[in-house]
Amino acid sequence: QVQLVESGGGLVQAGGSLRLSCTASGTTSLINVMSWYRQRPGKEREMTAVVYNGGDTDYADSVKGRFTISRNNAKTSVYLQMNNLKPEDTAVYYCKLFKNGTTYWGQGTQVTVAS
């Protein structure tokens, strides 16, 4: 049973930084895609950053240049470094793992950016 556990959310002032972490357990596959999604108040869940199996990354336009996604060599943990945070980054952030045709989600971690 694959489980994803996120941590690192919290309350931060605008312009500040946070680092989110997500660790997957119950999987030994080294072939996967790991990503971060977020759901802002009143909005649908949206892709924020993704790291593909080969290491390429992609970002939503709204976070390019401010957020950086990375992972460990074992491909069991993914991180999201968020700099220069803005109030509009306030959201629940979810970790997503896609492997062997199956999608797994974490429980979400709240990020609140105060103006």
N, C-alpha and C. Protein backbone atom coordinates (compact mmCIF):
# COMPACT_ATOMS: atom_id res chain seq x y z
N GLN A 1 0.84 -1.19 0.00
CA GLN A 1 0.00 0.00 0.00
C GLN A 1 0.88 1.24 0.00
N VAL A 2 0.76 2.04 -1.04
CA VAL A 2 1.56 3.26 -1.14
C VAL A 2 0.90 4.35 -0.31
N GLN A 3 1.70 5.03 0.48
CA GLN A 3 1.22 6.17 1.25
C GLN A 3 2.16 7.35 1.05
N LEU A 4 1.58 8.53 0.98
CA LEU A 4 2.34 9.77 0.84
C LEU A 4 2.08 10.63 2.06
N VAL A 5 3.15 11.10 2.66
CA VAL A 5 3.03 11.94 3.85
C VAL A 5 3.73 13.27 3.58
N GLU A 6 2.97 14.35 3.68
CA GLU A 6 3.51 15.69 3.43
C GLU A 6 3.79 16.39 4.75
N SER A 7 4.72 17.33 4.68
CA SER A 7 5.01 18.18 5.83
C SER A 7 5.60 19.49 5.34
N GLY A 8 5.65 20.47 6.24
CA GLY A 8 6.32 21.72 5.91
C GLY A 8 5.41 22.91 5.70
N GLY A 9 4.11 22.70 5.70
CA GLY A 9 3.21 23.83 5.52
C GLY A 9 3.17 24.70 6.76
N GLY A 10 2.49 25.83 6.63
CA GLY A 10 2.38 26.73 7.77
C GLY A 10 1.99 28.12 7.36
N LEU A 11 2.16 29.05 8.29
CA LEU A 11 1.84 30.45 8.07
C LEU A 11 3.14 31.23 7.87
N VAL A 12 3.17 32.04 6.83
CA VAL A 12 4.38 32.82 6.53
C VAL A 12 3.95 34.19 6.02
N GLN A 13 4.79 35.19 6.24
CA GLN A 13 4.53 36.52 5.72
C GLN A 13 4.87 36.57 4.23
N ALA A 14 4.20 37.45 3.52
CA ALA A 14 4.50 37.65 2.11
C ALA A 14 5.99 37.97 1.94
N GLY A 15 6.58 37.36 0.92
CA GLY A 15 8.01 37.50 0.70
C GLY A 15 8.85 36.44 1.37
N GLY A 16 8.23 35.66 2.23
CA GLY A 16 8.94 34.62 2.95
C GLY A 16 9.07 33.34 2.15
N SER A 17 9.61 32.32 2.81
CA SER A 17 9.88 31.04 2.17
C SER A 17 9.36 29.89 3.02
N LEU A 18 9.03 28.82 2.34
CA LEU A 18 8.68 27.56 2.98
C LEU A 18 9.21 26.42 2.12
N ARG A 19 9.47 25.30 2.76
CA ARG A 19 9.89 24.10 2.03
C ARG A 19 8.96 22.96 2.40
N LEU A 20 8.28 22.44 1.40
CA LEU A 20 7.39 21.30 1.60
C LEU A 20 8.13 20.02 1.29
N SER A 21 7.80 18.98 2.05
CA SER A 21 8.38 17.67 1.83
C SER A 21 7.27 16.64 1.70
N CYS A 22 7.54 15.62 0.92
CA CYS A 22 6.59 14.52 0.75
C CYS A 22 7.40 13.23 0.62
N THR A 23 7.06 12.27 1.46
CA THR A 23 7.76 10.99 1.43
C THR A 23 6.77 9.87 1.13
N ALA A 24 7.16 9.03 0.18
CA ALA A 24 6.33 7.90 -0.20
C ALA A 24 6.83 6.63 0.48
N SER A 25 5.91 5.87 1.03
CA SER A 25 6.25 4.57 1.60
C SER A 25 5.44 3.50 0.89
N GLY A 26 5.95 2.28 0.97
CA GLY A 26 5.22 1.18 0.35
C GLY A 26 5.48 1.00 -1.13
N THR A 27 6.52 1.68 -1.62
CA THR A 27 6.83 1.53 -3.04
C THR A 27 8.33 1.38 -3.21
N THR A 28 8.72 0.50 -4.12
CA THR A 28 10.14 0.34 -4.42
C THR A 28 10.42 0.67 -5.88
N SER A 29 9.41 1.09 -6.61
CA SER A 29 9.59 1.38 -8.03
C SER A 29 10.43 2.64 -8.20
N LEU A 30 11.37 2.58 -9.11
CA LEU A 30 12.18 3.75 -9.40
C LEU A 30 11.68 4.49 -10.63
N ILE A 31 10.56 4.06 -11.15
CA ILE A 31 9.99 4.72 -12.32
C ILE A 31 8.71 5.42 -11.89
N ASN A 32 8.77 6.73 -11.81
CA ASN A 32 7.57 7.43 -11.38
C ASN A 32 7.66 8.90 -11.76
N VAL A 33 6.54 9.55 -11.60
CA VAL A 33 6.45 10.99 -11.77
C VAL A 33 5.91 11.54 -10.46
N MET A 34 6.60 12.52 -9.92
CA MET A 34 6.17 13.11 -8.66
C MET A 34 5.86 14.58 -8.89
N SER A 35 4.83 15.05 -8.25
CA SER A 35 4.41 16.43 -8.48
C SER A 35 3.73 17.02 -7.26
N TRP A 36 3.60 18.32 -7.31
CA TRP A 36 2.85 19.07 -6.32
C TRP A 36 1.69 19.76 -7.01
N TYR A 37 0.55 19.63 -6.40
CA TYR A 37 -0.64 20.34 -6.83
C TYR A 37 -1.06 21.26 -5.68
N ARG A 38 -1.90 22.21 -6.01
CA ARG A 38 -2.46 23.03 -4.94
C ARG A 38 -3.91 23.36 -5.24
N GLN A 39 -4.64 23.59 -4.19
CA GLN A 39 -6.04 23.99 -4.33
C GLN A 39 -6.25 25.25 -3.52
N ARG A 40 -6.39 26.34 -4.24
CA ARG A 40 -6.62 27.63 -3.59
C ARG A 40 -8.09 27.76 -3.23
N PRO A 41 -8.44 28.61 -2.27
CA PRO A 41 -9.84 28.76 -1.84
C PRO A 41 -10.75 29.08 -3.02
N GLY A 42 -11.78 28.30 -3.18
CA GLY A 42 -12.76 28.52 -4.23
C GLY A 42 -12.31 28.12 -5.62
N LYS A 43 -11.13 27.49 -5.72
CA LYS A 43 -10.59 27.10 -7.01
C LYS A 43 -10.45 25.60 -7.12
N GLU A 44 -10.26 25.12 -8.34
CA GLU A 44 -10.00 23.71 -8.54
C GLU A 44 -8.53 23.40 -8.27
N ARG A 45 -8.27 22.15 -8.01
CA ARG A 45 -6.88 21.72 -7.81
C ARG A 45 -6.10 21.91 -9.11
N GLU A 46 -4.87 22.43 -8.99
CA GLU A 46 -4.07 22.72 -10.17
C GLU A 46 -2.64 22.24 -10.00
N MET A 47 -2.04 21.84 -11.11
CA MET A 47 -0.64 21.42 -11.08
C MET A 47 0.23 22.63 -10.78
N THR A 48 1.16 22.45 -9.86
CA THR A 48 2.07 23.53 -9.49
C THR A 48 3.48 23.27 -9.98
N ALA A 49 3.97 22.04 -9.77
CA ALA A 49 5.31 21.67 -10.20
C ALA A 49 5.38 20.16 -10.35
N VAL A 50 6.18 19.71 -11.29
CA VAL A 50 6.31 18.28 -11.55
C VAL A 50 7.75 17.93 -11.87
N VAL A 51 8.18 16.78 -11.42
CA VAL A 51 9.48 16.24 -11.80
C VAL A 51 9.24 14.87 -12.43
N TYR A 52 9.64 14.74 -13.67
CA TYR A 52 9.40 13.53 -14.43
C TYR A 52 10.44 12.46 -14.09
N ASN A 53 10.19 11.27 -14.56
CA ASN A 53 11.06 10.15 -14.20
C ASN A 53 12.51 10.43 -14.56
N GLY A 54 12.74 11.06 -15.71
CA GLY A 54 14.10 11.33 -16.16
C GLY A 54 14.75 12.53 -15.50
N GLY A 55 13.98 13.25 -14.72
CA GLY A 55 14.53 14.40 -14.01
C GLY A 55 14.10 15.76 -14.54
N ASP A 56 13.48 15.79 -15.69
CA ASP A 56 12.98 17.07 -16.19
C ASP A 56 11.90 17.61 -15.26
N THR A 57 11.80 18.92 -15.22
CA THR A 57 10.81 19.56 -14.36
C THR A 57 9.94 20.51 -15.17
N ASP A 58 8.80 20.82 -14.60
CA ASP A 58 7.90 21.80 -15.22
C ASP A 58 7.14 22.50 -14.11
N TYR A 59 6.74 23.74 -14.40
CA TYR A 59 6.08 24.55 -13.39
C TYR A 59 4.89 25.29 -13.98
N ALA A 60 3.93 25.58 -13.12
CA ALA A 60 2.86 26.48 -13.51
C ALA A 60 3.47 27.87 -13.71
N ASP A 61 2.93 28.61 -14.66
CA ASP A 61 3.48 29.95 -14.95
C ASP A 61 3.50 30.83 -13.71
N SER A 62 2.51 30.67 -12.86
CA SER A 62 2.38 31.55 -11.70
C SER A 62 3.48 31.36 -10.66
N VAL A 63 4.22 30.25 -10.73
CA VAL A 63 5.25 29.99 -9.72
C VAL A 63 6.65 29.92 -10.32
N LYS A 64 6.77 30.01 -11.62
CA LYS A 64 8.09 29.94 -12.26
C LYS A 64 9.00 31.03 -11.71
N GLY A 65 10.23 30.62 -11.40
CA GLY A 65 11.21 31.56 -10.88
C GLY A 65 11.14 31.74 -9.37
N ARG A 66 10.08 31.21 -8.75
CA ARG A 66 9.93 31.34 -7.29
C ARG A 66 9.95 29.98 -6.60
N PHE A 67 9.41 28.96 -7.24
CA PHE A 67 9.33 27.62 -6.66
C PHE A 67 10.32 26.70 -7.36
N THR A 68 10.86 25.75 -6.60
CA THR A 68 11.77 24.76 -7.16
C THR A 68 11.37 23.38 -6.62
N ILE A 69 11.16 22.46 -7.55
CA ILE A 69 10.85 21.08 -7.17
C ILE A 69 12.12 20.25 -7.26
N SER A 70 12.28 19.32 -6.33
CA SER A 70 13.43 18.42 -6.35
C SER A 70 13.00 17.10 -5.71
N ARG A 71 13.87 16.11 -5.83
CA ARG A 71 13.56 14.81 -5.23
C ARG A 71 14.86 14.15 -4.79
N ASN A 72 14.74 13.10 -4.01
CA ASN A 72 15.95 12.38 -3.62
C ASN A 72 16.30 11.35 -4.68
N ASN A 73 17.49 10.77 -4.60
CA ASN A 73 17.96 9.83 -5.62
C ASN A 73 17.11 8.57 -5.66
N ALA A 74 16.55 8.21 -4.53
CA ALA A 74 15.73 7.00 -4.48
C ALA A 74 14.34 7.22 -5.07
N LYS A 75 14.03 8.46 -5.41
CA LYS A 75 12.72 8.82 -5.98
C LYS A 75 11.59 8.44 -5.03
N THR A 76 11.86 8.57 -3.74
CA THR A 76 10.82 8.29 -2.76
C THR A 76 10.38 9.55 -2.02
N SER A 77 11.10 10.63 -2.22
CA SER A 77 10.73 11.90 -1.59
C SER A 77 10.80 13.01 -2.61
N VAL A 78 9.89 13.93 -2.48
CA VAL A 78 9.87 15.10 -3.36
C VAL A 78 9.71 16.33 -2.48
N TYR A 79 10.34 17.41 -2.92
CA TYR A 79 10.36 18.63 -2.14
C TYR A 79 9.89 19.80 -3.00
N LEU A 80 9.38 20.80 -2.34
CA LEU A 80 9.00 22.03 -3.05
C LEU A 80 9.52 23.21 -2.24
N GLN A 81 10.56 23.84 -2.76
CA GLN A 81 11.08 25.04 -2.15
C GLN A 81 10.32 26.23 -2.70
N MET A 82 9.67 26.97 -1.82
CA MET A 82 8.84 28.08 -2.24
C MET A 82 9.42 29.37 -1.69
N ASN A 83 9.86 30.25 -2.58
CA ASN A 83 10.45 31.53 -2.20
C ASN A 83 9.56 32.67 -2.66
N ASN A 84 9.79 33.82 -2.06
CA ASN A 84 9.03 35.02 -2.42
C ASN A 84 7.53 34.73 -2.48
N LEU A 85 7.04 34.15 -1.42
CA LEU A 85 5.63 33.75 -1.38
C LEU A 85 4.71 34.95 -1.41
N LYS A 86 3.58 34.76 -2.06
CA LYS A 86 2.58 35.82 -2.20
C LYS A 86 1.27 35.35 -1.56
N PRO A 87 0.42 36.28 -1.17
CA PRO A 87 -0.88 35.87 -0.59
C PRO A 87 -1.66 34.94 -1.51
N GLU A 88 -1.52 35.11 -2.81
CA GLU A 88 -2.25 34.24 -3.74
C GLU A 88 -1.70 32.82 -3.80
N ASP A 89 -0.59 32.57 -3.13
CA ASP A 89 -0.07 31.20 -3.01
C ASP A 89 -0.77 30.43 -1.89
N THR A 90 -1.61 31.12 -1.12
CA THR A 90 -2.34 30.45 -0.06
C THR A 90 -3.19 29.33 -0.63
N ALA A 91 -3.00 28.13 -0.12
CA ALA A 91 -3.67 26.96 -0.68
C ALA A 91 -3.35 25.74 0.18
N VAL A 92 -4.08 24.68 -0.10
CA VAL A 92 -3.68 23.36 0.40
C VAL A 92 -2.83 22.73 -0.69
N TYR A 93 -1.64 22.31 -0.32
CA TYR A 93 -0.70 21.73 -1.28
C TYR A 93 -0.71 20.20 -1.12
N TYR A 94 -0.84 19.54 -2.26
CA TYR A 94 -0.92 18.08 -2.29
C TYR A 94 0.26 17.50 -3.07
N CYS A 95 0.79 16.43 -2.55
CA CYS A 95 1.81 15.66 -3.23
C CYS A 95 1.11 14.58 -4.05
N LYS A 96 1.61 14.34 -5.24
CA LYS A 96 1.03 13.32 -6.12
C LYS A 96 2.14 12.43 -6.67
N LEU A 97 1.89 11.15 -6.64
CA LEU A 97 2.82 10.16 -7.20
C LEU A 97 2.08 9.37 -8.27
N PHE A 98 2.70 9.27 -9.42
CA PHE A 98 2.13 8.47 -10.51
C PHE A 98 3.12 7.39 -10.88
N LYS A 99 2.73 6.13 -10.75
CA LYS A 99 3.61 5.03 -11.13
C LYS A 99 2.77 3.83 -11.52
N ASN A 100 3.26 3.11 -12.49
CA ASN A 100 2.59 1.90 -12.96
C ASN A 100 1.11 2.14 -13.27
N GLY A 101 0.81 3.30 -13.80
CA GLY A 101 -0.55 3.60 -14.21
C GLY A 101 -1.50 3.97 -13.09
N THR A 102 -0.97 4.13 -11.89
CA THR A 102 -1.81 4.45 -10.73
C THR A 102 -1.38 5.78 -10.13
N THR A 103 -2.35 6.55 -9.70
CA THR A 103 -2.10 7.85 -9.07
C THR A 103 -2.36 7.76 -7.58
N TYR A 104 -1.44 8.32 -6.82
CA TYR A 104 -1.57 8.35 -5.36
C TYR A 104 -1.47 9.81 -4.91
N TRP A 105 -2.25 10.17 -3.90
CA TRP A 105 -2.27 11.53 -3.37
C TRP A 105 -1.94 11.53 -1.88
N GLY A 106 -1.27 12.58 -1.47
CA GLY A 106 -1.08 12.81 -0.05
C GLY A 106 -2.32 13.46 0.53
N GLN A 107 -2.29 13.71 1.84
CA GLN A 107 -3.46 14.26 2.52
C GLN A 107 -3.55 15.77 2.42
N GLY A 108 -2.46 16.39 1.99
CA GLY A 108 -2.45 17.84 1.83
C GLY A 108 -1.86 18.55 3.02
N THR A 109 -1.23 19.68 2.76
CA THR A 109 -0.68 20.51 3.82
C THR A 109 -1.03 21.96 3.53
N GLN A 110 -1.50 22.66 4.53
CA GLN A 110 -1.97 24.03 4.36
C GLN A 110 -0.80 25.01 4.35
N VAL A 111 -0.80 25.88 3.36
CA VAL A 111 0.14 27.00 3.30
C VAL A 111 -0.68 28.28 3.29
N THR A 112 -0.39 29.15 4.24
CA THR A 112 -1.09 30.42 4.33
C THR A 112 -0.06 31.54 4.28
N VAL A 113 -0.24 32.45 3.35
CA VAL A 113 0.68 33.57 3.19
C VAL A 113 -0.07 34.84 3.58
N ALA A 114 0.42 35.49 4.62
CA ALA A 114 -0.21 36.71 5.12
C ALA A 114 0.38 37.94 4.42
N SER A 115 -0.48 38.88 4.11
CA SER A 115 -0.01 40.09 3.42
C SER A 115 0.50 41.11 4.42
